[in-house]
Amino acid sequence: MKVTAIIADDLVNNVKAYTHSSTVTEAITIALKDWLDIHKIKELNKQISQNPIYIDNWQKIREINRSK
């Protein structure tokens, strides 16, 4: 998709620096993907906190993992 946007130069330059990108397109693509990943993780954490997973036999699982 081709987009025209007015974005402050210092913001774009900082994004390029943090993403180690040579082009604005690559920097913005990486930044948007990272932003989405963070928000997906936040949503998953919210869902898990509302409906946590309980493991009754955690001690047995721990013993198995430590024996390997």
N, C-alpha and C. Protein backbone atom coordinates (compact mmCIF):
# COMPACT_ATOMS: atom_id res chain seq x y z
N MET A 1 0.84 -1.17 0.00
CA MET A 1 0.00 0.00 0.00
C MET A 1 0.89 1.24 0.00
N LYS A 2 0.53 2.18 -0.78
CA LYS A 2 1.28 3.42 -0.83
C LYS A 2 0.55 4.45 0.03
N VAL A 3 1.31 5.14 0.91
CA VAL A 3 0.72 6.06 1.85
C VAL A 3 1.51 7.36 1.85
N THR A 4 0.79 8.46 1.92
CA THR A 4 1.42 9.75 2.11
C THR A 4 1.07 10.22 3.51
N ALA A 5 2.09 10.51 4.31
CA ALA A 5 1.84 10.92 5.70
C ALA A 5 2.84 12.00 6.09
N ILE A 6 2.39 12.86 6.96
CA ILE A 6 3.27 13.90 7.50
C ILE A 6 3.74 13.41 8.87
N ILE A 7 5.02 13.04 8.95
CA ILE A 7 5.61 12.53 10.18
C ILE A 7 6.87 13.33 10.46
N ALA A 8 7.05 13.71 11.71
CA ALA A 8 8.21 14.51 12.09
C ALA A 8 9.51 13.78 11.73
N ASP A 9 10.45 14.54 11.18
CA ASP A 9 11.73 13.98 10.75
C ASP A 9 12.47 13.27 11.88
N ASP A 10 12.47 13.88 13.08
CA ASP A 10 13.19 13.26 14.19
C ASP A 10 12.57 11.93 14.60
N LEU A 11 11.26 11.81 14.50
CA LEU A 11 10.59 10.54 14.81
C LEU A 11 10.99 9.46 13.80
N VAL A 12 10.95 9.81 12.54
CA VAL A 12 11.34 8.85 11.49
C VAL A 12 12.80 8.46 11.64
N ASN A 13 13.66 9.42 11.91
CA ASN A 13 15.09 9.12 12.07
C ASN A 13 15.34 8.23 13.28
N ASN A 14 14.62 8.47 14.38
CA ASN A 14 14.75 7.61 15.56
C ASN A 14 14.28 6.19 15.26
N VAL A 15 13.18 6.06 14.55
CA VAL A 15 12.68 4.73 14.19
C VAL A 15 13.68 4.02 13.29
N LYS A 16 14.23 4.74 12.33
CA LYS A 16 15.24 4.15 11.45
C LYS A 16 16.46 3.68 12.25
N ALA A 17 16.85 4.47 13.23
CA ALA A 17 18.02 4.11 14.04
C ALA A 17 17.74 2.87 14.89
N TYR A 18 16.59 2.84 15.56
CA TYR A 18 16.27 1.71 16.44
C TYR A 18 16.02 0.42 15.66
N THR A 19 15.50 0.54 14.45
CA THR A 19 15.23 -0.66 13.65
C THR A 19 16.40 -1.05 12.77
N HIS A 20 17.45 -0.22 12.77
CA HIS A 20 18.63 -0.46 11.93
C HIS A 20 18.24 -0.58 10.46
N SER A 21 17.31 0.25 10.05
CA SER A 21 16.82 0.23 8.67
C SER A 21 17.48 1.32 7.85
N SER A 22 17.64 1.03 6.58
CA SER A 22 18.22 2.03 5.70
C SER A 22 17.15 2.85 4.98
N THR A 23 15.92 2.33 4.96
CA THR A 23 14.84 3.05 4.29
C THR A 23 13.70 3.34 5.26
N VAL A 24 12.96 4.38 4.95
CA VAL A 24 11.81 4.75 5.77
C VAL A 24 10.75 3.65 5.71
N THR A 25 10.54 3.08 4.55
CA THR A 25 9.54 2.02 4.39
C THR A 25 9.86 0.84 5.29
N GLU A 26 11.10 0.40 5.27
CA GLU A 26 11.50 -0.74 6.10
C GLU A 26 11.36 -0.40 7.59
N ALA A 27 11.77 0.79 7.98
CA ALA A 27 11.69 1.20 9.38
C ALA A 27 10.25 1.24 9.88
N ILE A 28 9.37 1.83 9.09
CA ILE A 28 7.97 1.92 9.50
C ILE A 28 7.31 0.55 9.51
N THR A 29 7.66 -0.30 8.56
CA THR A 29 7.10 -1.66 8.53
C THR A 29 7.52 -2.43 9.78
N ILE A 30 8.79 -2.37 10.14
CA ILE A 30 9.27 -3.05 11.34
C ILE A 30 8.60 -2.49 12.59
N ALA A 31 8.52 -1.17 12.68
CA ALA A 31 7.91 -0.54 13.85
C ALA A 31 6.45 -0.91 13.99
N LEU A 32 5.72 -0.94 12.89
CA LEU A 32 4.30 -1.31 12.95
C LEU A 32 4.12 -2.77 13.34
N LYS A 33 4.96 -3.66 12.79
CA LYS A 33 4.88 -5.07 13.16
C LYS A 33 5.17 -5.26 14.65
N ASP A 34 6.21 -4.58 15.15
CA ASP A 34 6.54 -4.67 16.57
C ASP A 34 5.40 -4.15 17.43
N TRP A 35 4.81 -3.04 17.03
CA TRP A 35 3.69 -2.44 17.77
C TRP A 35 2.52 -3.43 17.84
N LEU A 36 2.21 -4.05 16.70
CA LEU A 36 1.12 -5.04 16.69
C LEU A 36 1.43 -6.23 17.58
N ASP A 37 2.66 -6.72 17.52
CA ASP A 37 3.06 -7.86 18.35
C ASP A 37 2.88 -7.53 19.84
N ILE A 38 3.31 -6.34 20.24
CA ILE A 38 3.19 -5.92 21.64
C ILE A 38 1.73 -5.89 22.06
N HIS A 39 0.86 -5.35 21.22
CA HIS A 39 -0.55 -5.25 21.57
C HIS A 39 -1.25 -6.61 21.56
N LYS A 40 -0.80 -7.51 20.70
CA LYS A 40 -1.35 -8.87 20.71
C LYS A 40 -0.96 -9.58 22.00
N ILE A 41 0.28 -9.40 22.44
CA ILE A 41 0.73 -10.01 23.69
C ILE A 41 -0.04 -9.43 24.87
N LYS A 42 -0.26 -8.12 24.87
CA LYS A 42 -1.05 -7.50 25.94
C LYS A 42 -2.46 -8.08 25.98
N GLU A 43 -3.06 -8.29 24.82
CA GLU A 43 -4.41 -8.85 24.75
C GLU A 43 -4.42 -10.30 25.26
N LEU A 44 -3.43 -11.08 24.87
CA LEU A 44 -3.34 -12.46 25.36
C LEU A 44 -3.15 -12.49 26.88
N ASN A 45 -2.29 -11.61 27.40
CA ASN A 45 -2.10 -11.54 28.85
C ASN A 45 -3.39 -11.18 29.56
N LYS A 46 -4.14 -10.29 28.98
CA LYS A 46 -5.43 -9.89 29.56
C LYS A 46 -6.39 -11.08 29.59
N GLN A 47 -6.45 -11.82 28.48
CA GLN A 47 -7.33 -13.00 28.41
C GLN A 47 -6.91 -14.06 29.42
N ILE A 48 -5.62 -14.29 29.54
CA ILE A 48 -5.14 -15.31 30.48
C ILE A 48 -5.39 -14.87 31.92
N SER A 49 -5.22 -13.59 32.21
CA SER A 49 -5.47 -13.13 33.58
C SER A 49 -6.95 -13.24 33.94
N GLN A 50 -7.83 -13.14 32.97
CA GLN A 50 -9.26 -13.28 33.22
C GLN A 50 -9.67 -14.74 33.33
N ASN A 51 -8.93 -15.62 32.68
CA ASN A 51 -9.24 -17.05 32.69
C ASN A 51 -7.93 -17.83 32.78
N PRO A 52 -7.30 -17.82 33.96
CA PRO A 52 -5.98 -18.45 34.08
C PRO A 52 -6.02 -19.96 33.91
N ILE A 53 -4.88 -20.49 33.51
CA ILE A 53 -4.72 -21.93 33.34
C ILE A 53 -4.14 -22.46 34.64
N TYR A 54 -4.81 -23.45 35.22
CA TYR A 54 -4.33 -24.06 36.45
C TYR A 54 -3.81 -25.46 36.13
N ILE A 55 -2.62 -25.76 36.64
CA ILE A 55 -2.03 -27.08 36.43
C ILE A 55 -1.93 -27.74 37.80
N ASP A 56 -2.71 -28.79 37.99
CA ASP A 56 -2.76 -29.46 39.29
C ASP A 56 -1.51 -30.29 39.57
N ASN A 57 -0.96 -30.90 38.55
CA ASN A 57 0.18 -31.79 38.74
C ASN A 57 1.50 -31.13 38.36
N TRP A 58 1.68 -29.90 38.76
CA TRP A 58 2.87 -29.15 38.40
C TRP A 58 4.14 -29.76 38.99
N GLN A 59 4.02 -30.39 40.17
CA GLN A 59 5.21 -30.97 40.79
C GLN A 59 5.75 -32.14 39.97
N LYS A 60 4.86 -32.96 39.46
CA LYS A 60 5.28 -34.10 38.62
C LYS A 60 5.93 -33.59 37.33
N ILE A 61 5.35 -32.58 36.74
CA ILE A 61 5.90 -31.98 35.51
C ILE A 61 7.28 -31.42 35.80
N ARG A 62 7.43 -30.76 36.93
CA ARG A 62 8.72 -30.19 37.30
C ARG A 62 9.78 -31.29 37.48
N GLU A 63 9.39 -32.37 38.12
CA GLU A 63 10.32 -33.49 38.31
C GLU A 63 10.77 -34.07 36.97
N ILE A 64 9.83 -34.24 36.06
CA ILE A 64 10.15 -34.77 34.73
C ILE A 64 11.12 -33.83 34.00
N ASN A 65 10.83 -32.54 34.04
CA ASN A 65 11.70 -31.57 33.36
C ASN A 65 13.10 -31.54 33.96
N ARG A 66 13.21 -31.68 35.25
CA ARG A 66 14.52 -31.63 35.92
C ARG A 66 15.31 -32.92 35.73
N SER A 67 14.62 -34.01 35.44
CA SER A 67 15.32 -35.30 35.27
C SER A 67 15.94 -35.43 33.88
N LYS A 68 15.61 -34.52 32.99
CA LYS A 68 16.15 -34.60 31.62
C LYS A 68 17.50 -33.97 31.51
